[in-house]
Amino acid sequence: MQLFLAEEDGVPVGRIAAITNQRHNEVHEDKVGFFGFFECIDKQKVANALFDAVAEWLRGKGKDTMRGPMNPSVNDEIGMLIRGFDSPPVILMTYNPPYYPTLCDGYGFEKAKDLYAYLLETEKVLTEKLERGQKLVRDRYGLTIRNVDFKNLKQEVVTLKHIYNQAWEKNWGAVAATDAEFDTLAADLSQVVANFKEFVFVAEVNGKPIGFALCLPDINQLLISNKRGWLLPGAWKLMTGTKTIDLLRIIVLGVLPQYRGKGFDAVMYWEIVTRARDRGIFKGEASWVLEDNTMMNHGAKLMNAEAYKTYRIYDKKLG
């Protein structure tokens, strides 16, 4: 990664990161490089200067395409918000002013892929049809749901990592998480889910783990009013305000490839929404979902979910 800062008359007016990901290039057999952590004032010439700096650096690394934003990889926070500016960002999702896509268009970027965020509401999801269907699936396949054992987290992470890397292996842009990446993520997120452990669970068939779900409370609701970024008020809100959170983000919900198409995802959605309801949480966001992920988009529609935000990944050929 190479970081760049734009200054105008000695004042910082933008920033960007140029990123190479050798594992991505090996997996996808391409020469794509990336940009990320982009912030800029509403001035095209400043944005162009930042993008030019990335392009030059990536060309020097032998890359023929610039893609982003990736912050810094597909296993982290990605995409630029292009629709849905009327609602605040949910935990670990990106946010940007509405003029950012205009700056990208002005530089000549083209759409590579869109990502959706779905809004789920309890009364729309928990239909009689879904209840009957998820019971049938449980009975037919012997599907059971168990909570992740946080007292044995090290071994549980091995199981979750295996499912994660298998379940998303064929997705566009996917690169398997390394042991270091996954272990760091697990350590970070375990602090957030400390009081919401029932929202990290494993699906099993005859005792074999075949899928898992990871959901996080939208702690952004507590931090959004911390305008000055002071540490102590923010920490105090996190300790005392979790009962006021009314939205849960579904970050990961997946099953091993050989178990798809059997309705297991419906059972897991049912489990998430009923557990959230019991905690007094009646809204959820499923994000992010690739625009051409047929199974997940179909599943979201079955849950009567609304695609209320769209994020975009951009590409530009490097001549």
C-alpha atoms as a PDB file:
ATOM      1  CA  MET A   1       0.000   0.000   0.000  1.00  0.00           C
ATOM      2  CA  GLN A   2       1.157   3.509  -0.841  1.00  0.00           C
ATOM      3  CA  LEU A   3      -0.628   6.478   0.740  1.00  0.00           C
ATOM      4  CA  PHE A   4      -1.063   9.851  -0.964  1.00  0.00           C
ATOM      5  CA  LEU A   5      -2.207  13.189   0.439  1.00  0.00           C
ATOM      6  CA  ALA A   6      -3.435  16.110  -1.692  1.00  0.00           C
ATOM      7  CA  GLU A   7      -2.748  19.632  -0.458  1.00  0.00           C
ATOM      8  CA  GLU A   8      -3.895  22.985  -1.782  1.00  0.00           C
ATOM      9  CA  ASP A   9      -2.109  26.077  -0.476  1.00  0.00           C
ATOM     10  CA  GLY A  10      -0.751  23.958   2.352  1.00  0.00           C
ATOM     11  CA  VAL A  11      -4.186  22.673   3.379  1.00  0.00           C
ATOM     12  CA  PRO A  12      -5.027  18.942   3.114  1.00  0.00           C
ATOM     13  CA  VAL A  13      -7.909  18.531   0.646  1.00  0.00           C
ATOM     14  CA  GLY A  14      -7.863  14.818  -0.158  1.00  0.00           C
ATOM     15  CA  ARG A  15      -6.314  11.430   0.474  1.00  0.00           C
ATOM     16  CA  ILE A  16      -6.132   8.021  -1.202  1.00  0.00           C
ATOM     17  CA  ALA A  17      -4.356   4.675  -0.979  1.00  0.00           C
ATOM     18  CA  ALA A  18      -2.863   2.695  -3.868  1.00  0.00           C
ATOM     19  CA  ILE A  19      -3.017  -1.026  -3.126  1.00  0.00           C
ATOM     20  CA  THR A  20      -1.683  -4.210  -4.655  1.00  0.00           C
ATOM     21  CA  ASN A  21      -3.033  -7.612  -3.636  1.00  0.00           C
ATOM     22  CA  GLN A  22      -0.886 -10.432  -4.930  1.00  0.00           C
ATOM     23  CA  ARG A  23      -3.261 -13.096  -3.663  1.00  0.00           C
ATOM     24  CA  HIS A  24      -6.113 -11.524  -5.639  1.00  0.00           C
ATOM     25  CA  ASN A  25      -3.993 -11.528  -8.797  1.00  0.00           C
ATOM     26  CA  GLU A  26      -2.997 -15.169  -8.276  1.00  0.00           C
ATOM     27  CA  VAL A  27      -6.573 -16.337  -7.659  1.00  0.00           C
ATOM     28  CA  HIS A  28      -8.203 -14.360 -10.483  1.00  0.00           C
ATOM     29  CA  GLU A  29      -5.266 -14.466 -12.885  1.00  0.00           C
ATOM     30  CA  ASP A  30      -5.441 -10.752 -13.649  1.00  0.00           C
ATOM     31  CA  LYS A  31      -3.380  -7.585 -13.239  1.00  0.00           C
ATOM     32  CA  VAL A  32      -5.845  -5.532 -11.222  1.00  0.00           C
ATOM     33  CA  GLY A  33      -4.621  -3.004  -8.670  1.00  0.00           C
ATOM     34  CA  PHE A  34      -6.804  -1.111  -6.222  1.00  0.00           C
ATOM     35  CA  PHE A  35      -7.554   2.257  -4.679  1.00  0.00           C
ATOM     36  CA  GLY A  36      -9.117   2.794  -1.280  1.00  0.00           C
ATOM     37  CA  PHE A  37      -9.555   5.089   1.719  1.00  0.00           C
ATOM     38  CA  PHE A  38     -10.569   7.852  -0.700  1.00  0.00           C
ATOM     39  CA  GLU A  39     -11.654  11.196   0.751  1.00  0.00           C
ATOM     40  CA  CYS A  40     -11.793  14.425  -1.229  1.00  0.00           C
ATOM     41  CA  ILE A  41     -13.309  17.887  -1.369  1.00  0.00           C
ATOM     42  CA  ASP A  42     -15.831  18.532  -4.138  1.00  0.00           C
ATOM     43  CA  LYS A  43     -13.298  19.525  -6.765  1.00  0.00           C
ATOM     44  CA  GLN A  44     -12.637  17.397  -9.838  1.00  0.00           C
ATOM     45  CA  LYS A  45      -9.031  18.486 -10.294  1.00  0.00           C
ATOM     46  CA  VAL A  46      -8.171  17.338  -6.766  1.00  0.00           C
ATOM     47  CA  ALA A  47      -9.833  13.966  -7.319  1.00  0.00           C
ATOM     48  CA  ASN A  48      -8.078  13.605 -10.667  1.00  0.00           C
ATOM     49  CA  ALA A  49      -4.704  14.305  -9.058  1.00  0.00           C
ATOM     50  CA  LEU A  50      -5.332  11.623  -6.429  1.00  0.00           C
ATOM     51  CA  PHE A  51      -6.488   9.046  -8.990  1.00  0.00           C
ATOM     52  CA  ASP A  52      -3.543   9.919 -11.245  1.00  0.00           C
ATOM     53  CA  ALA A  53      -1.130   9.260  -8.397  1.00  0.00           C
ATOM     54  CA  VAL A  54      -2.651   5.821  -7.829  1.00  0.00           C
ATOM     55  CA  ALA A  55      -2.676   5.021 -11.546  1.00  0.00           C
ATOM     56  CA  GLU A  56       0.996   5.912 -11.943  1.00  0.00           C
ATOM     57  CA  TRP A  57       1.983   3.848  -8.913  1.00  0.00           C
ATOM     58  CA  LEU A  58      -0.050   0.832 -10.075  1.00  0.00           C
ATOM     59  CA  ARG A  59       1.415   1.000 -13.584  1.00  0.00           C
ATOM     60  CA  GLY A  60       4.835   0.864 -11.978  1.00  0.00           C
ATOM     61  CA  LYS A  61       3.727  -2.383 -10.333  1.00  0.00           C
ATOM     62  CA  GLY A  62       2.674  -3.880 -13.674  1.00  0.00           C
ATOM     63  CA  LYS A  63      -1.088  -3.461 -13.186  1.00  0.00           C
ATOM     64  CA  ASP A  64      -3.430  -2.802 -16.106  1.00  0.00           C
ATOM     65  CA  THR A  65      -6.654  -1.954 -14.206  1.00  0.00           C
ATOM     66  CA  MET A  66      -7.490   0.255 -11.221  1.00  0.00           C
ATOM     67  CA  ARG A  67     -10.425  -0.937  -9.102  1.00  0.00           C
ATOM     68  CA  GLY A  68     -12.053   0.418  -5.981  1.00  0.00           C
ATOM     69  CA  PRO A  69     -12.808   1.565  -3.502  1.00  0.00           C
ATOM     70  CA  MET A  70     -11.387  -1.358  -1.494  1.00  0.00           C
ATOM     71  CA  ASN A  71     -10.501  -0.488   2.083  1.00  0.00           C
ATOM     72  CA  PRO A  72      -8.175  -2.330   1.687  1.00  0.00           C
ATOM     73  CA  SER A  73      -9.560  -5.660   0.358  1.00  0.00           C
ATOM     74  CA  VAL A  74     -12.768  -7.511  -0.473  1.00  0.00           C
ATOM     75  CA  ASN A  75     -12.698  -8.979   3.036  1.00  0.00           C
ATOM     76  CA  ASP A  76     -12.957  -5.489   4.520  1.00  0.00           C
ATOM     77  CA  GLU A  77     -15.161  -2.442   3.874  1.00  0.00           C
ATOM     78  CA  ILE A  78     -15.671  -1.868   0.174  1.00  0.00           C
ATOM     79  CA  GLY A  79     -17.762   0.095  -2.304  1.00  0.00           C
ATOM     80  CA  MET A  80     -18.905   3.668  -2.799  1.00  0.00           C
ATOM     81  CA  LEU A  81     -22.444   4.633  -1.830  1.00  0.00           C
ATOM     82  CA  ILE A  82     -24.407   5.749  -4.913  1.00  0.00           C
ATOM     83  CA  ARG A  83     -28.007   5.397  -3.635  1.00  0.00           C
ATOM     84  CA  GLY A  84     -29.513   5.653  -0.174  1.00  0.00           C
ATOM     85  CA  PHE A  85     -28.019   8.864   1.170  1.00  0.00           C
ATOM     86  CA  ASP A  86     -31.154   9.554   3.220  1.00  0.00           C
ATOM     87  CA  SER A  87     -30.238   7.056   5.947  1.00  0.00           C
ATOM     88  CA  PRO A  88     -27.057   6.863   8.039  1.00  0.00           C
ATOM     89  CA  PRO A  89     -24.360   4.222   7.534  1.00  0.00           C
ATOM     90  CA  VAL A  90     -24.677   0.931   9.393  1.00  0.00           C
ATOM     91  CA  ILE A  91     -21.752  -0.609  11.271  1.00  0.00           C
ATOM     92  CA  LEU A  92     -18.780  -1.516   9.044  1.00  0.00           C
ATOM     93  CA  MET A  93     -20.421  -0.157   5.891  1.00  0.00           C
ATOM     94  CA  THR A  94     -18.926   2.727   3.953  1.00  0.00           C
ATOM     95  CA  TYR A  95     -20.417   6.189   3.608  1.00  0.00           C
ATOM     96  CA  ASN A  96     -19.553   9.154   1.407  1.00  0.00           C
ATOM     97  CA  PRO A  97     -21.057  12.448   0.236  1.00  0.00           C
ATOM     98  CA  PRO A  98     -23.296  12.251  -2.879  1.00  0.00           C
ATOM     99  CA  TYR A  99     -20.707  14.048  -5.019  1.00  0.00           C
ATOM    100  CA  TYR A 100     -18.132  11.245  -4.736  1.00  0.00           C
ATOM    101  CA  PRO A 101     -19.666   9.142  -7.565  1.00  0.00           C
ATOM    102  CA  THR A 102     -19.645  12.269  -9.745  1.00  0.00           C
ATOM    103  CA  LEU A 103     -15.906  12.644  -9.141  1.00  0.00           C
ATOM    104  CA  CYS A 104     -15.389   9.009 -10.170  1.00  0.00           C
ATOM    105  CA  ASP A 105     -17.496   9.439 -13.299  1.00  0.00           C
ATOM    106  CA  GLY A 106     -15.600  12.617 -14.127  1.00  0.00           C
ATOM    107  CA  TYR A 107     -12.316  10.730 -14.041  1.00  0.00           C
ATOM    108  CA  GLY A 108     -13.580   8.083 -16.443  1.00  0.00           C
ATOM    109  CA  PHE A 109     -14.269   5.215 -14.083  1.00  0.00           C
ATOM    110  CA  GLU A 110     -16.830   2.629 -15.188  1.00  0.00           C
ATOM    111  CA  LYS A 111     -19.031   0.345 -13.143  1.00  0.00           C
ATOM    112  CA  ALA A 112     -17.434  -2.983 -12.296  1.00  0.00           C
ATOM    113  CA  LYS A 113     -20.080  -4.282  -9.893  1.00  0.00           C
ATOM    114  CA  ASP A 114     -22.904  -3.008  -7.711  1.00  0.00           C
ATOM    115  CA  LEU A 115     -23.599  -4.180  -4.170  1.00  0.00           C
ATOM    116  CA  TYR A 116     -26.942  -4.033  -2.375  1.00  0.00           C
ATOM    117  CA  ALA A 117     -27.928  -3.441   1.230  1.00  0.00           C
ATOM    118  CA  TYR A 118     -31.325  -4.900   2.136  1.00  0.00           C
ATOM    119  CA  LEU A 119     -33.580  -3.605   4.895  1.00  0.00           C
ATOM    120  CA  LEU A 120     -35.541  -6.286   6.755  1.00  0.00           C
ATOM    121  CA  GLU A 121     -38.457  -5.659   9.093  1.00  0.00           C
ATOM    122  CA  THR A 122     -39.754  -8.250  11.551  1.00  0.00           C
ATOM    123  CA  GLU A 123     -43.411  -8.165  10.603  1.00  0.00           C
ATOM    124  CA  LYS A 124     -42.572  -8.557   6.913  1.00  0.00           C
ATOM    125  CA  VAL A 125     -40.129 -11.431   7.419  1.00  0.00           C
ATOM    126  CA  LEU A 126     -41.917 -13.637   9.950  1.00  0.00           C
ATOM    127  CA  THR A 127     -44.728 -14.862   7.727  1.00  0.00           C
ATOM    128  CA  GLU A 128     -46.673 -18.087   8.235  1.00  0.00           C
ATOM    129  CA  LYS A 129     -45.258 -19.378   4.955  1.00  0.00           C
ATOM    130  CA  LEU A 130     -41.681 -18.883   6.145  1.00  0.00           C
ATOM    131  CA  GLU A 131     -42.444 -20.462   9.506  1.00  0.00           C
ATOM    132  CA  ARG A 132     -43.858 -23.592   7.862  1.00  0.00           C
ATOM    133  CA  GLY A 133     -41.005 -23.747   5.372  1.00  0.00           C
ATOM    134  CA  GLN A 134     -38.200 -23.450   7.907  1.00  0.00           C
ATOM    135  CA  LYS A 135     -39.775 -26.140  10.107  1.00  0.00           C
ATOM    136  CA  LEU A 136     -39.986 -28.461   7.111  1.00  0.00           C
ATOM    137  CA  VAL A 137     -36.322 -27.898   6.270  1.00  0.00           C
ATOM    138  CA  ARG A 138     -35.229 -28.591   9.857  1.00  0.00           C
ATOM    139  CA  ASP A 139     -37.199 -31.838   9.961  1.00  0.00           C
ATOM    140  CA  ARG A 140     -36.206 -33.048   6.498  1.00  0.00           C
ATOM    141  CA  TYR A 141     -32.447 -32.569   6.870  1.00  0.00           C
ATOM    142  CA  GLY A 142     -31.952 -32.769  10.615  1.00  0.00           C
ATOM    143  CA  LEU A 143     -30.718 -29.187  10.624  1.00  0.00           C
ATOM    144  CA  THR A 144     -29.866 -27.737  14.022  1.00  0.00           C
ATOM    145  CA  ILE A 145     -28.601 -24.330  15.135  1.00  0.00           C
ATOM    146  CA  ARG A 146     -26.084 -23.808  17.929  1.00  0.00           C
ATOM    147  CA  ASN A 147     -24.423 -20.717  19.312  1.00  0.00           C
ATOM    148  CA  VAL A 148     -20.694 -20.223  18.835  1.00  0.00           C
ATOM    149  CA  ASP A 149     -18.820 -21.280  21.955  1.00  0.00           C
ATOM    150  CA  PHE A 150     -16.903 -18.149  22.894  1.00  0.00           C
ATOM    151  CA  LYS A 151     -15.101 -20.037  25.661  1.00  0.00           C
ATOM    152  CA  ASN A 152     -13.564 -22.196  22.941  1.00  0.00           C
ATOM    153  CA  LEU A 153     -13.205 -19.413  20.389  1.00  0.00           C
ATOM    154  CA  LYS A 154      -9.866 -20.518  18.969  1.00  0.00           C
ATOM    155  CA  GLN A 155     -11.283 -23.848  17.760  1.00  0.00           C
ATOM    156  CA  GLU A 156     -14.540 -22.251  16.657  1.00  0.00           C
ATOM    157  CA  VAL A 157     -12.632 -19.775  14.475  1.00  0.00           C
ATOM    158  CA  VAL A 158     -11.076 -22.710  12.607  1.00  0.00           C
ATOM    159  CA  THR A 159     -14.583 -23.981  11.777  1.00  0.00           C
ATOM    160  CA  LEU A 160     -15.919 -20.576  10.775  1.00  0.00           C
ATOM    161  CA  LYS A 161     -12.883 -19.814   8.627  1.00  0.00           C
ATOM    162  CA  HIS A 162     -13.287 -23.092   6.721  1.00  0.00           C
ATOM    163  CA  ILE A 163     -16.957 -22.381   5.994  1.00  0.00           C
ATOM    164  CA  TYR A 164     -16.290 -18.756   5.072  1.00  0.00           C
ATOM    165  CA  ASN A 165     -13.558 -19.534   2.579  1.00  0.00           C
ATOM    166  CA  GLN A 166     -15.530 -22.381   0.996  1.00  0.00           C
ATOM    167  CA  ALA A 167     -18.882 -20.592   0.866  1.00  0.00           C
ATOM    168  CA  TRP A 168     -17.556 -17.438  -0.818  1.00  0.00           C
ATOM    169  CA  GLU A 169     -14.856 -19.042  -2.947  1.00  0.00           C
ATOM    170  CA  LYS A 170     -16.687 -18.564  -6.269  1.00  0.00           C
ATOM    171  CA  ASN A 171     -17.974 -15.052  -5.596  1.00  0.00           C
ATOM    172  CA  TRP A 172     -16.808 -12.198  -7.829  1.00  0.00           C
ATOM    173  CA  GLY A 173     -13.558 -10.763  -6.507  1.00  0.00           C
ATOM    174  CA  ALA A 174     -13.394 -13.187  -3.596  1.00  0.00           C
ATOM    175  CA  VAL A 175     -10.045 -14.042  -2.038  1.00  0.00           C
ATOM    176  CA  ALA A 176      -9.824 -16.482   0.846  1.00  0.00           C
ATOM    177  CA  ALA A 177      -9.027 -14.827   4.161  1.00  0.00           C
ATOM    178  CA  THR A 178      -5.639 -15.723   5.585  1.00  0.00           C
ATOM    179  CA  ASP A 179      -5.319 -17.101   9.103  1.00  0.00           C
ATOM    180  CA  ALA A 180      -3.974 -13.744  10.274  1.00  0.00           C
ATOM    181  CA  GLU A 181      -6.848 -11.801   8.666  1.00  0.00           C
ATOM    182  CA  PHE A 182      -9.542 -14.036  10.079  1.00  0.00           C
ATOM    183  CA  ASP A 183      -8.010 -14.244  13.555  1.00  0.00           C
ATOM    184  CA  THR A 184      -7.704 -10.448  13.715  1.00  0.00           C
ATOM    185  CA  LEU A 185     -11.286 -10.004  12.532  1.00  0.00           C
ATOM    186  CA  ALA A 186     -12.562 -12.500  15.107  1.00  0.00           C
ATOM    187  CA  ALA A 187     -10.685 -10.741  17.900  1.00  0.00           C
ATOM    188  CA  ASP A 188     -12.035  -7.330  16.887  1.00  0.00           C
ATOM    189  CA  LEU A 189     -15.638  -8.418  16.412  1.00  0.00           C
ATOM    190  CA  SER A 190     -15.761 -10.457  19.610  1.00  0.00           C
ATOM    191  CA  GLN A 191     -15.612  -7.160  21.503  1.00  0.00           C
ATOM    192  CA  VAL A 192     -18.623  -5.798  19.623  1.00  0.00           C
ATOM    193  CA  VAL A 193     -20.760  -8.931  20.083  1.00  0.00           C
ATOM    194  CA  ALA A 194     -19.927  -9.331  23.759  1.00  0.00           C
ATOM    195  CA  ASN A 195     -23.564  -8.689  24.739  1.00  0.00           C
ATOM    196  CA  PHE A 196     -25.048 -10.111  21.540  1.00  0.00           C
ATOM    197  CA  LYS A 197     -23.465 -13.569  21.394  1.00  0.00           C
ATOM    198  CA  GLU A 198     -26.676 -15.277  20.288  1.00  0.00           C
ATOM    199  CA  PHE A 199     -26.282 -13.584  16.903  1.00  0.00           C
ATOM    200  CA  VAL A 200     -23.199 -15.617  16.006  1.00  0.00           C
ATOM    201  CA  PHE A 201     -24.326 -19.175  15.376  1.00  0.00           C
ATOM    202  CA  VAL A 202     -23.509 -22.295  13.404  1.00  0.00           C
ATOM    203  CA  ALA A 203     -25.883 -24.446  11.331  1.00  0.00           C
ATOM    204  CA  GLU A 204     -25.224 -28.193  11.523  1.00  0.00           C
ATOM    205  CA  VAL A 205     -26.533 -31.285   9.758  1.00  0.00           C
ATOM    206  CA  ASN A 206     -26.094 -34.460  11.784  1.00  0.00           C
ATOM    207  CA  GLY A 207     -23.502 -32.680  13.909  1.00  0.00           C
ATOM    208  CA  LYS A 208     -21.466 -31.400  10.933  1.00  0.00           C
ATOM    209  CA  PRO A 209     -21.064 -27.600  10.628  1.00  0.00           C
ATOM    210  CA  ILE A 210     -22.349 -26.567   7.190  1.00  0.00           C
ATOM    211  CA  GLY A 211     -22.985 -22.844   7.573  1.00  0.00           C
ATOM    212  CA  PHE A 212     -22.869 -19.916   9.939  1.00  0.00           C
ATOM    213  CA  ALA A 213     -24.291 -16.463  10.501  1.00  0.00           C
ATOM    214  CA  LEU A 214     -22.605 -13.410  11.972  1.00  0.00           C
ATOM    215  CA  CYS A 215     -24.679 -10.392  12.938  1.00  0.00           C
ATOM    216  CA  LEU A 216     -23.645  -7.223  14.716  1.00  0.00           C
ATOM    217  CA  PRO A 217     -25.682  -4.617  16.587  1.00  0.00           C
ATOM    218  CA  ASP A 218     -25.591  -1.285  14.785  1.00  0.00           C
ATOM    219  CA  ILE A 219     -23.432   0.550  17.308  1.00  0.00           C
ATOM    220  CA  ASN A 220     -23.256   3.434  14.834  1.00  0.00           C
ATOM    221  CA  GLN A 221     -26.614   4.465  16.296  1.00  0.00           C
ATOM    222  CA  LEU A 222     -24.812   5.204  19.566  1.00  0.00           C
ATOM    223  CA  LEU A 223     -21.776   6.879  18.052  1.00  0.00           C
ATOM    224  CA  ILE A 224     -23.484   9.090  15.463  1.00  0.00           C
ATOM    225  CA  SER A 225     -24.265  11.805  18.013  1.00  0.00           C
ATOM    226  CA  ASN A 226     -20.663  11.867  19.256  1.00  0.00           C
ATOM    227  CA  LYS A 227     -19.983  14.812  16.955  1.00  0.00           C
ATOM    228  CA  ARG A 228     -16.630  15.865  18.346  1.00  0.00           C
ATOM    229  CA  GLY A 229     -15.173  12.359  18.356  1.00  0.00           C
ATOM    230  CA  TRP A 230     -14.391  12.471  22.074  1.00  0.00           C
ATOM    231  CA  LEU A 231     -13.295   9.072  23.353  1.00  0.00           C
ATOM    232  CA  LEU A 232     -14.938   8.938  26.764  1.00  0.00           C
ATOM    233  CA  PRO A 233     -18.510   9.914  25.756  1.00  0.00           C
ATOM    234  CA  GLY A 234     -18.348   7.401  22.906  1.00  0.00           C
ATOM    235  CA  ALA A 235     -17.095   4.606  25.166  1.00  0.00           C
ATOM    236  CA  TRP A 236     -19.761   5.421  27.753  1.00  0.00           C
ATOM    237  CA  LYS A 237     -22.516   5.183  25.158  1.00  0.00           C
ATOM    238  CA  LEU A 238     -21.217   1.791  24.027  1.00  0.00           C
ATOM    239  CA  MET A 239     -21.330   0.503  27.598  1.00  0.00           C
ATOM    240  CA  THR A 240     -24.719   1.898  28.562  1.00  0.00           C
ATOM    241  CA  GLY A 241     -26.753   2.362  25.384  1.00  0.00           C
ATOM    242  CA  THR A 242     -26.864  -1.049  23.690  1.00  0.00           C
ATOM    243  CA  LYS A 243     -30.473  -1.643  24.789  1.00  0.00           C
ATOM    244  CA  THR A 244     -31.583   1.289  22.624  1.00  0.00           C
ATOM    245  CA  ILE A 245     -30.171  -0.182  19.381  1.00  0.00           C
ATOM    246  CA  ASP A 246     -33.027  -1.131  17.065  1.00  0.00           C
ATOM    247  CA  LEU A 247     -31.149  -2.548  14.049  1.00  0.00           C
ATOM    248  CA  LEU A 248     -28.955  -5.583  13.508  1.00  0.00           C
ATOM    249  CA  ARG A 249     -26.595  -5.970  10.565  1.00  0.00           C
ATOM    250  CA  ILE A 250     -26.330  -9.413   8.973  1.00  0.00           C
ATOM    251  CA  ILE A 251     -22.685  -9.408   7.894  1.00  0.00           C
ATOM    252  CA  VAL A 252     -22.218 -13.078   7.044  1.00  0.00           C
ATOM    253  CA  LEU A 253     -24.811 -15.700   6.208  1.00  0.00           C
ATOM    254  CA  GLY A 254     -23.627 -18.620   4.135  1.00  0.00           C
ATOM    255  CA  VAL A 255     -23.540 -22.375   3.735  1.00  0.00           C
ATOM    256  CA  LEU A 256     -21.087 -24.757   2.119  1.00  0.00           C
ATOM    257  CA  PRO A 257     -21.646 -25.095  -1.657  1.00  0.00           C
ATOM    258  CA  GLN A 258     -22.884 -28.689  -1.510  1.00  0.00           C
ATOM    259  CA  TYR A 259     -25.672 -27.710   0.906  1.00  0.00           C
ATOM    260  CA  ARG A 260     -27.123 -24.830  -1.102  1.00  0.00           C
ATOM    261  CA  GLY A 261     -30.599 -24.832  -2.582  1.00  0.00           C
ATOM    262  CA  LYS A 262     -32.095 -26.758   0.327  1.00  0.00           C
ATOM    263  CA  GLY A 263     -33.636 -23.839   2.220  1.00  0.00           C
ATOM    264  CA  PHE A 264     -31.009 -23.653   4.959  1.00  0.00           C
ATOM    265  CA  ASP A 265     -30.654 -19.911   4.432  1.00  0.00           C
ATOM    266  CA  ALA A 266     -34.366 -19.454   5.202  1.00  0.00           C
ATOM    267  CA  VAL A 267     -33.909 -21.260   8.518  1.00  0.00           C
ATOM    268  CA  MET A 268     -30.998 -19.014   9.387  1.00  0.00           C
ATOM    269  CA  TYR A 269     -32.933 -15.860   8.499  1.00  0.00           C
ATOM    270  CA  TRP A 270     -35.806 -17.100  10.666  1.00  0.00           C
ATOM    271  CA  GLU A 271     -33.418 -17.748  13.532  1.00  0.00           C
ATOM    272  CA  ILE A 272     -31.841 -14.286  13.268  1.00  0.00           C
ATOM    273  CA  VAL A 273     -35.124 -12.389  13.098  1.00  0.00           C
ATOM    274  CA  THR A 274     -36.789 -14.287  15.958  1.00  0.00           C
ATOM    275  CA  ARG A 275     -33.742 -13.857  18.175  1.00  0.00           C
ATOM    276  CA  ALA A 276     -33.628 -10.150  17.331  1.00  0.00           C
ATOM    277  CA  ARG A 277     -37.340  -9.791  18.094  1.00  0.00           C
ATOM    278  CA  ASP A 278     -36.778 -11.363  21.502  1.00  0.00           C
ATOM    279  CA  ARG A 279     -34.133  -8.687  22.147  1.00  0.00           C
ATOM    280  CA  GLY A 280     -36.475  -5.897  21.092  1.00  0.00           C
ATOM    281  CA  ILE A 281     -34.735  -5.371  17.733  1.00  0.00           C
ATOM    282  CA  PHE A 282     -37.208  -5.186  14.855  1.00  0.00           C
ATOM    283  CA  LYS A 283     -35.049  -4.084  11.919  1.00  0.00           C
ATOM    284  CA  GLY A 284     -32.072  -5.593  10.154  1.00  0.00           C
ATOM    285  CA  GLU A 285     -29.705  -4.855   7.300  1.00  0.00           C
ATOM    286  CA  ALA A 286     -28.342  -7.649   5.127  1.00  0.00           C
ATOM    287  CA  SER A 287     -25.219  -6.264   3.490  1.00  0.00           C
ATOM    288  CA  TRP A 288     -23.485  -6.366   1.262  1.00  0.00           C
ATOM    289  CA  VAL A 289     -24.954  -8.566  -1.519  1.00  0.00           C
ATOM    290  CA  LEU A 290     -23.548  -8.719  -5.053  1.00  0.00           C
ATOM    291  CA  GLU A 291     -26.033  -7.597  -7.689  1.00  0.00           C
ATOM    292  CA  ASP A 292     -25.652 -10.921  -9.539  1.00  0.00           C
ATOM    293  CA  ASN A 293     -25.748 -13.187  -6.480  1.00  0.00           C
ATOM    294  CA  THR A 294     -28.978 -14.835  -7.562  1.00  0.00           C
ATOM    295  CA  MET A 295     -29.427 -16.994  -4.489  1.00  0.00           C
ATOM    296  CA  MET A 296     -28.959 -14.204  -1.944  1.00  0.00           C
ATOM    297  CA  ASN A 297     -31.058 -11.670  -3.855  1.00  0.00           C
ATOM    298  CA  HIS A 298     -33.840 -14.229  -4.281  1.00  0.00           C
ATOM    299  CA  GLY A 299     -33.638 -15.069  -0.586  1.00  0.00           C
ATOM    300  CA  ALA A 300     -33.878 -11.392   0.360  1.00  0.00           C
ATOM    301  CA  LYS A 301     -37.012 -11.026  -1.753  1.00  0.00           C
ATOM    302  CA  LEU A 302     -38.536 -14.062  -0.058  1.00  0.00           C
ATOM    303  CA  MET A 303     -37.954 -12.222   3.220  1.00  0.00           C
ATOM    304  CA  ASN A 304     -39.857  -9.240   1.754  1.00  0.00           C
ATOM    305  CA  ALA A 305     -36.682  -7.186   2.170  1.00  0.00           C
ATOM    306  CA  GLU A 306     -36.129  -3.824   0.478  1.00  0.00           C
ATOM    307  CA  ALA A 307     -32.916  -3.073  -1.426  1.00  0.00           C
ATOM    308  CA  TYR A 308     -32.611   0.404   0.061  1.00  0.00           C
ATOM    309  CA  LYS A 309     -28.947   1.194  -0.599  1.00  0.00           C
ATOM    310  CA  THR A 310     -26.592   0.581  -3.516  1.00  0.00           C
ATOM    311  CA  TYR A 311     -22.806   0.668  -3.455  1.00  0.00           C
ATOM    312  CA  ARG A 312     -20.552   0.585  -6.497  1.00  0.00           C
ATOM    313  CA  ILE A 313     -17.121  -0.830  -7.283  1.00  0.00           C
ATOM    314  CA  TYR A 314     -15.411   1.063 -10.110  1.00  0.00           C
ATOM    315  CA  ASP A 315     -12.883  -0.011 -12.728  1.00  0.00           C
ATOM    316  CA  LYS A 316     -10.608   1.997 -14.997  1.00  0.00           C
ATOM    317  CA  LYS A 317      -8.193   0.576 -17.539  1.00  0.00           C
ATOM    318  CA  LEU A 318      -4.638   1.840 -17.175  1.00  0.00           C
ATOM    319  CA  GLY A 319      -3.327   2.616 -20.662  1.00  0.00           C
END
